[in-house]
C-alpha atoms as a PDB file:
ATOM      1  CA  UNK A   1      21.354 -40.525  28.223  1.00  0.00           C
ATOM      2  CA  UNK A   2      21.191 -44.307  27.448  1.00  0.00           C
ATOM      3  CA  UNK A   3      24.855 -44.114  26.392  1.00  0.00           C
ATOM      4  CA  UNK A   4      26.056 -43.227  29.933  1.00  0.00           C
ATOM      5  CA  UNK A   5      25.204 -46.593  31.553  1.00  0.00           C
ATOM      6  CA  UNK A   6      26.896 -48.412  28.700  1.00  0.00           C
ATOM      7  CA  UNK A   7      30.331 -47.033  29.528  1.00  0.00           C
ATOM      8  CA  UNK A   8      30.738 -48.870  32.825  1.00  0.00           C
ATOM      9  CA  UNK A   9      29.712 -52.075  31.061  1.00  0.00           C
ATOM     10  CA  UNK A  10      32.411 -51.517  28.475  1.00  0.00           C
ATOM     11  CA  UNK A  11      35.001 -51.010  31.249  1.00  0.00           C
ATOM     12  CA  UNK A  12      33.810 -54.067  33.093  1.00  0.00           C
ATOM     13  CA  UNK A  13      34.100 -56.218  29.989  1.00  0.00           C
ATOM     14  CA  UNK A  14      37.528 -54.750  29.387  1.00  0.00           C
ATOM     15  CA  UNK A  15      38.619 -55.603  32.917  1.00  0.00           C
ATOM     16  CA  UNK A  16      36.961 -59.032  32.744  1.00  0.00           C
ATOM     17  CA  UNK A  17      39.234 -60.255  29.974  1.00  0.00           C
ATOM     18  CA  UNK A  18      42.260 -58.876  31.801  1.00  0.00           C
ATOM     19  CA  UNK A  19      41.566 -61.399  34.581  1.00  0.00           C
ATOM     20  CA  UNK A  20      41.771 -64.195  32.025  1.00  0.00           C
ATOM     21  CA  UNK A  21      45.342 -63.355  30.963  1.00  0.00           C
ATOM     22  CA  UNK A  22      46.179 -66.070  33.538  1.00  0.00           C
ATOM     23  CA  UNK A  23      45.331 -68.508  30.773  1.00  0.00           C
ATOM     24  CA  UNK A  24      47.709 -66.642  28.493  1.00  0.00           C
ATOM     25  CA  UNK A  25      45.491 -67.031  25.416  1.00  0.00           C
ATOM     26  CA  UNK A  26      42.707 -64.651  25.918  1.00  0.00           C
ATOM     27  CA  UNK A  27      44.935 -61.742  26.971  1.00  0.00           C
ATOM     28  CA  UNK A  28      45.798 -60.729  23.401  1.00  0.00           C
ATOM     29  CA  UNK A  29      42.266 -61.206  22.091  1.00  0.00           C
ATOM     30  CA  UNK A  30      40.368 -59.098  24.642  1.00  0.00           C
ATOM     31  CA  UNK A  31      42.583 -56.073  24.039  1.00  0.00           C
ATOM     32  CA  UNK A  32      40.834 -55.469  20.760  1.00  0.00           C
ATOM     33  CA  UNK A  33      37.637 -55.483  22.844  1.00  0.00           C
ATOM     34  CA  UNK A  34      38.447 -51.965  24.077  1.00  0.00           C
ATOM     35  CA  UNK A  35      38.068 -51.268  20.376  1.00  0.00           C
ATOM     36  CA  UNK A  36      34.376 -50.556  21.115  1.00  0.00           C
ATOM     37  CA  UNK A  37      35.633 -47.470  22.972  1.00  0.00           C
ATOM     38  CA  UNK A  38      35.943 -45.622  19.688  1.00  0.00           C
ATOM     39  CA  UNK A  39      32.288 -46.580  19.299  1.00  0.00           C
ATOM     40  CA  UNK A  40      31.584 -44.897  22.665  1.00  0.00           C
ATOM     41  CA  UNK A  41      33.269 -41.690  21.458  1.00  0.00           C
ATOM     42  CA  UNK A  42      30.421 -41.620  19.022  1.00  0.00           C
ATOM     43  CA  UNK A  43      28.976 -39.237  21.640  1.00  0.00           C
ATOM     44  CA  UNK A  44      30.959 -36.276  20.334  1.00  0.00           C
ATOM     45  CA  UNK A  45      29.847 -37.298  16.892  1.00  0.00           C
ATOM     46  CA  UNK A  46      26.206 -37.155  18.042  1.00  0.00           C
ATOM     47  CA  UNK A  47      23.774 -35.135  16.027  1.00  0.00           C
ATOM     48  CA  UNK A  48      25.676 -32.168  17.536  1.00  0.00           C
ATOM     49  CA  UNK A  49      27.876 -31.482  14.497  1.00  0.00           C
ATOM     50  CA  UNK A  50      25.175 -32.596  12.086  1.00  0.00           C
ATOM     51  CA  UNK A  51      22.603 -30.048  13.333  1.00  0.00           C
ATOM     52  CA  UNK A  52      24.422 -27.002  12.033  1.00  0.00           C
ATOM     53  CA  UNK A  53      24.356 -28.432   8.515  1.00  0.00           C
ATOM     54  CA  UNK A  54      20.585 -28.101   7.931  1.00  0.00           C
ATOM     55  CA  UNK A  55      20.771 -24.303   8.261  1.00  0.00           C
ATOM     56  CA  UNK A  56      23.648 -24.333   5.779  1.00  0.00           C
ATOM     57  CA  UNK A  57      21.499 -26.275   3.302  1.00  0.00           C
ATOM     58  CA  UNK A  58      18.552 -23.901   3.821  1.00  0.00           C
ATOM     59  CA  UNK A  59      20.730 -20.856   3.269  1.00  0.00           C
ATOM     60  CA  UNK A  60      21.137 -21.456  -0.472  1.00  0.00           C
ATOM     61  CA  UNK A  61      17.337 -21.807  -0.699  1.00  0.00           C
ATOM     62  CA  UNK A  62      16.755 -18.508   1.108  1.00  0.00           C
ATOM     63  CA  UNK A  63      19.426 -16.780  -0.932  1.00  0.00           C
ATOM     64  CA  UNK A  64      17.833 -17.918  -4.155  1.00  0.00           C
ATOM     65  CA  UNK A  65      14.452 -16.429  -3.218  1.00  0.00           C
ATOM     66  CA  UNK A  66      15.551 -12.764  -2.992  1.00  0.00           C
ATOM     67  CA  UNK A  67      16.865 -12.975  -6.563  1.00  0.00           C
ATOM     68  CA  UNK A  68      13.493 -13.306  -8.318  1.00  0.00           C
ATOM     69  CA  UNK A  69      11.619 -11.235  -5.746  1.00  0.00           C
ATOM     70  CA  UNK A  70      13.821  -8.172  -6.239  1.00  0.00           C
ATOM     71  CA  UNK A  71      12.739  -7.531  -9.839  1.00  0.00           C
ATOM     72  CA  UNK A  72       9.123  -8.189  -8.842  1.00  0.00           C
ATOM     73  CA  UNK A  73       9.340  -5.453  -6.184  1.00  0.00           C
ATOM     74  CA  UNK A  74      10.831  -3.002  -8.654  1.00  0.00           C
ATOM     75  CA  UNK A  75       8.058  -3.787 -11.144  1.00  0.00           C
ATOM     76  CA  UNK A  76       5.407  -3.204  -8.479  1.00  0.00           C
ATOM     77  CA  UNK A  77       6.962   0.131  -7.568  1.00  0.00           C
ATOM     78  CA  UNK A  78       6.341   1.457 -11.084  1.00  0.00           C
ATOM     79  CA  UNK A  79       3.797   4.298 -10.665  1.00  0.00           C
ATOM     80  CA  UNK A  80       0.484   3.979 -12.483  1.00  0.00           C
ATOM     81  CA  UNK A  81      -1.193   6.972 -14.065  1.00  0.00           C
ATOM     82  CA  UNK A  82      -4.081   8.144 -11.838  1.00  0.00           C
ATOM     83  CA  UNK A  83      -7.318   9.250 -13.489  1.00  0.00           C
ATOM     84  CA  UNK A  84     -10.186  10.782 -11.503  1.00  0.00           C
ATOM     85  CA  UNK A  85     -13.532   9.005 -11.516  1.00  0.00           C
ATOM     86  CA  UNK A  86     -16.259  11.011 -13.272  1.00  0.00           C
ATOM     87  CA  UNK A  87     -19.836  11.150 -11.989  1.00  0.00           C
ATOM     88  CA  UNK A  88     -22.693  12.903 -13.820  1.00  0.00           C
ATOM     89  CA  UNK A  89     -25.717  14.285 -11.973  1.00  0.00           C
ATOM     90  CA  UNK A  90     -28.470  15.342 -14.425  1.00  0.00           C
ATOM     91  CA  UNK A  91     -29.838  18.811 -13.692  1.00  0.00           C
ATOM     92  CA  UNK A  92     -31.171  21.841 -15.476  1.00  0.00           C
ATOM     93  CA  UNK A  93     -29.135  25.033 -15.605  1.00  0.00           C
ATOM     94  CA  UNK A  94     -31.419  26.452 -12.914  1.00  0.00           C
ATOM     95  CA  UNK A  95     -31.097  23.400 -10.675  1.00  0.00           C
ATOM     96  CA  UNK A  96     -27.394  22.647 -11.251  1.00  0.00           C
ATOM     97  CA  UNK A  97     -26.196  24.721  -8.274  1.00  0.00           C
ATOM     98  CA  UNK A  98     -28.677  23.037  -5.923  1.00  0.00           C
ATOM     99  CA  UNK A  99     -27.566  19.621  -7.225  1.00  0.00           C
ATOM    100  CA  UNK A 100     -23.950  20.603  -6.582  1.00  0.00           C
ATOM    101  CA  UNK A 101     -24.837  21.650  -3.020  1.00  0.00           C
ATOM    102  CA  UNK A 102     -26.508  18.299  -2.407  1.00  0.00           C
ATOM    103  CA  UNK A 103     -23.445  16.503  -3.795  1.00  0.00           C
ATOM    104  CA  UNK A 104     -21.206  18.439  -1.424  1.00  0.00           C
ATOM    105  CA  UNK A 105     -23.455  17.568   1.538  1.00  0.00           C
ATOM    106  CA  UNK A 106     -23.251  13.872   0.630  1.00  0.00           C
ATOM    107  CA  UNK A 107     -19.474  14.060   0.335  1.00  0.00           C
ATOM    108  CA  UNK A 108     -19.137  15.637   3.772  1.00  0.00           C
ATOM    109  CA  UNK A 109     -21.595  13.145   5.284  1.00  0.00           C
ATOM    110  CA  UNK A 110     -19.552  10.281   3.834  1.00  0.00           C
ATOM    111  CA  UNK A 111     -16.421  11.492   5.639  1.00  0.00           C
ATOM    112  CA  UNK A 112     -14.764  13.827   3.153  1.00  0.00           C
ATOM    113  CA  UNK A 113     -13.022  16.788   4.766  1.00  0.00           C
ATOM    114  CA  UNK A 114     -14.368  20.188   3.664  1.00  0.00           C
ATOM    115  CA  UNK A 115     -10.903  21.150   2.451  1.00  0.00           C
ATOM    116  CA  UNK A 116     -10.992  18.222  -0.003  1.00  0.00           C
ATOM    117  CA  UNK A 117     -13.723  19.826  -2.119  1.00  0.00           C
ATOM    118  CA  UNK A 118     -13.592  22.492  -4.818  1.00  0.00           C
ATOM    119  CA  UNK A 119     -16.848  23.708  -6.438  1.00  0.00           C
ATOM    120  CA  UNK A 120     -16.762  25.477  -9.818  1.00  0.00           C
ATOM    121  CA  UNK A 121     -19.743  27.294 -11.325  1.00  0.00           C
ATOM    122  CA  UNK A 122     -20.072  28.141 -15.032  1.00  0.00           C
ATOM    123  CA  UNK A 123     -22.721  30.837 -14.589  1.00  0.00           C
ATOM    124  CA  UNK A 124     -23.797  32.815 -11.546  1.00  0.00           C
ATOM    125  CA  UNK A 125     -21.372  32.742  -8.616  1.00  0.00           C
ATOM    126  CA  UNK A 126     -22.137  30.678  -5.554  1.00  0.00           C
ATOM    127  CA  UNK A 127     -23.420  32.969  -2.749  1.00  0.00           C
ATOM    128  CA  UNK A 128     -20.422  32.055  -0.575  1.00  0.00           C
ATOM    129  CA  UNK A 129     -17.943  33.183  -3.260  1.00  0.00           C
ATOM    130  CA  UNK A 130     -19.847  36.417  -3.849  1.00  0.00           C
ATOM    131  CA  UNK A 131     -19.877  37.118  -0.112  1.00  0.00           C
ATOM    132  CA  UNK A 132     -16.182  36.412   0.429  1.00  0.00           C
ATOM    133  CA  UNK A 133     -15.109  38.424  -2.609  1.00  0.00           C
ATOM    134  CA  UNK A 134     -16.885  41.400  -1.091  1.00  0.00           C
ATOM    135  CA  UNK A 135     -14.026  41.500   1.468  1.00  0.00           C
ATOM    136  CA  UNK A 136     -11.417  41.578  -1.257  1.00  0.00           C
ATOM    137  CA  UNK A 137      -9.590  39.045  -3.402  1.00  0.00           C
ATOM    138  CA  UNK A 138      -6.695  38.757  -0.948  1.00  0.00           C
ATOM    139  CA  UNK A 139      -8.998  37.483   1.803  1.00  0.00           C
ATOM    140  CA  UNK A 140     -10.849  35.260  -0.665  1.00  0.00           C
ATOM    141  CA  UNK A 141      -7.712  33.493  -1.975  1.00  0.00           C
ATOM    142  CA  UNK A 142      -6.221  33.294   1.510  1.00  0.00           C
ATOM    143  CA  UNK A 143      -9.106  30.980   2.406  1.00  0.00           C
ATOM    144  CA  UNK A 144      -8.351  28.903  -0.688  1.00  0.00           C
ATOM    145  CA  UNK A 145      -4.693  28.592   0.317  1.00  0.00           C
ATOM    146  CA  UNK A 146      -5.609  27.637   3.895  1.00  0.00           C
ATOM    147  CA  UNK A 147      -7.562  24.660   2.530  1.00  0.00           C
ATOM    148  CA  UNK A 148      -9.755  24.381   5.614  1.00  0.00           C
ATOM    149  CA  UNK A 149     -13.162  24.597   3.946  1.00  0.00           C
ATOM    150  CA  UNK A 150     -15.073  23.920   0.723  1.00  0.00           C
ATOM    151  CA  UNK A 151     -13.924  26.493  -1.808  1.00  0.00           C
ATOM    152  CA  UNK A 152     -16.263  27.988  -4.426  1.00  0.00           C
ATOM    153  CA  UNK A 153     -14.941  29.580  -7.616  1.00  0.00           C
ATOM    154  CA  UNK A 154     -16.543  30.647 -10.871  1.00  0.00           C
ATOM    155  CA  UNK A 155     -15.255  29.657 -14.295  1.00  0.00           C
ATOM    156  CA  UNK A 156     -13.470  32.986 -14.723  1.00  0.00           C
ATOM    157  CA  UNK A 157     -10.998  32.341 -11.839  1.00  0.00           C
ATOM    158  CA  UNK A 158     -11.076  28.531 -11.610  1.00  0.00           C
ATOM    159  CA  UNK A 159      -7.705  28.235 -13.343  1.00  0.00           C
ATOM    160  CA  UNK A 160      -6.136  29.839 -10.260  1.00  0.00           C
ATOM    161  CA  UNK A 161      -7.556  27.152  -7.948  1.00  0.00           C
ATOM    162  CA  UNK A 162      -5.278  24.332  -6.912  1.00  0.00           C
ATOM    163  CA  UNK A 163      -5.734  20.565  -7.141  1.00  0.00           C
ATOM    164  CA  UNK A 164      -8.148  18.972  -4.650  1.00  0.00           C
ATOM    165  CA  UNK A 165      -9.292  15.371  -4.205  1.00  0.00           C
ATOM    166  CA  UNK A 166     -12.856  16.185  -5.344  1.00  0.00           C
ATOM    167  CA  UNK A 167     -14.071  18.817  -7.817  1.00  0.00           C
ATOM    168  CA  UNK A 168     -17.773  19.514  -8.282  1.00  0.00           C
ATOM    169  CA  UNK A 169     -18.851  21.445 -11.376  1.00  0.00           C
ATOM    170  CA  UNK A 170     -22.249  23.128 -11.556  1.00  0.00           C
ATOM    171  CA  UNK A 171     -23.112  23.883 -15.204  1.00  0.00           C
ATOM    172  CA  UNK A 172     -25.545  26.598 -14.204  1.00  0.00           C
ATOM    173  CA  UNK A 173     -25.531  28.760 -17.287  1.00  0.00           C
ATOM    174  CA  UNK A 174     -22.915  31.117 -18.651  1.00  0.00           C
ATOM    175  CA  UNK A 175     -21.607  31.211 -22.225  1.00  0.00           C
ATOM    176  CA  UNK A 176     -22.505  28.352 -24.566  1.00  0.00           C
ATOM    177  CA  UNK A 177     -18.870  27.230 -24.508  1.00  0.00           C
ATOM    178  CA  UNK A 178     -18.620  27.346 -20.705  1.00  0.00           C
ATOM    179  CA  UNK A 179     -18.874  23.590 -20.184  1.00  0.00           C
ATOM    180  CA  UNK A 180     -16.321  22.875 -22.927  1.00  0.00           C
ATOM    181  CA  UNK A 181     -13.914  25.315 -21.257  1.00  0.00           C
ATOM    182  CA  UNK A 182     -14.459  24.424 -17.603  1.00  0.00           C
ATOM    183  CA  UNK A 183     -14.697  20.629 -17.719  1.00  0.00           C
ATOM    184  CA  UNK A 184     -11.156  19.990 -19.040  1.00  0.00           C
ATOM    185  CA  UNK A 185      -9.833  22.376 -16.366  1.00  0.00           C
ATOM    186  CA  UNK A 186     -11.914  20.713 -13.626  1.00  0.00           C
ATOM    187  CA  UNK A 187     -10.680  17.299 -14.784  1.00  0.00           C
ATOM    188  CA  UNK A 188      -7.084  18.440 -14.222  1.00  0.00           C
ATOM    189  CA  UNK A 189      -7.899  19.892 -10.801  1.00  0.00           C
ATOM    190  CA  UNK A 190      -9.652  16.708  -9.562  1.00  0.00           C
ATOM    191  CA  UNK A 191      -7.285  14.238  -7.945  1.00  0.00           C
ATOM    192  CA  UNK A 192      -9.796  11.437  -7.237  1.00  0.00           C
ATOM    193  CA  UNK A 193     -13.361  12.374  -8.228  1.00  0.00           C
ATOM    194  CA  UNK A 194     -15.018  14.795 -10.666  1.00  0.00           C
ATOM    195  CA  UNK A 195     -18.769  15.387 -10.209  1.00  0.00           C
ATOM    196  CA  UNK A 196     -20.587  17.309 -12.940  1.00  0.00           C
ATOM    197  CA  UNK A 197     -24.111  18.643 -12.403  1.00  0.00           C
ATOM    198  CA  UNK A 198     -25.980  19.807 -15.502  1.00  0.00           C
ATOM    199  CA  UNK A 199     -27.509  18.846 -18.822  1.00  0.00           C
ATOM    200  CA  UNK A 200     -26.379  15.273 -19.643  1.00  0.00           C
ATOM    201  CA  UNK A 201     -26.288  15.832 -23.417  1.00  0.00           C
ATOM    202  CA  UNK A 202     -24.144  18.923 -23.090  1.00  0.00           C
ATOM    203  CA  UNK A 203     -21.812  17.281 -20.575  1.00  0.00           C
ATOM    204  CA  UNK A 204     -21.513  14.006 -22.488  1.00  0.00           C
ATOM    205  CA  UNK A 205     -20.614  15.923 -25.622  1.00  0.00           C
ATOM    206  CA  UNK A 206     -17.611  17.361 -23.785  1.00  0.00           C
ATOM    207  CA  UNK A 207     -16.705  14.249 -21.824  1.00  0.00           C
ATOM    208  CA  UNK A 208     -17.010  12.098 -24.936  1.00  0.00           C
ATOM    209  CA  UNK A 209     -14.507  14.363 -26.653  1.00  0.00           C
ATOM    210  CA  UNK A 210     -11.837  12.987 -24.346  1.00  0.00           C
ATOM    211  CA  UNK A 211     -11.766  15.191 -21.269  1.00  0.00           C
END
């Protein structure tokens, strides 16, 4: 905006010298005075053309960044092997089923969906499993496939059960090798958490063997 008032002054100075050509000397000299007019055209050369250049200089910077970040993203996308957390709840063979029931109650109270939980018994069947099997295996396994509720299975059929986020094992008797047989299977069926209720020495002997 300050450049606009200057233009009339330039014209006035240009016309001023033209009046002096009467002397005959100054006429040639003032004509170079309009030379400042190229200085006035400095308006088109205002920061206008220079402003686009900063984005052009930033572009190489931005282009350089994706280069290193691309390999980093691919490295981050590499899947990591998931291993379920193992929790041991000490209990006798007689109290293992009750301990498993309490563990299930805590899981549900903490926000776990019933369909997230599978309970496996090594000895006597859970009363729910015994009751449902009385209606036939088809009805029993249909409830497993629906995945709407906690599912109870004994060691003899646990291999047919699918993977669930949480598996609770009640070492409530059964053959002496029951824990050694069931725990590796339960470990494979647990996606996030494996809870084992029973004799700590017996369980640790199996878990320590690299379940």
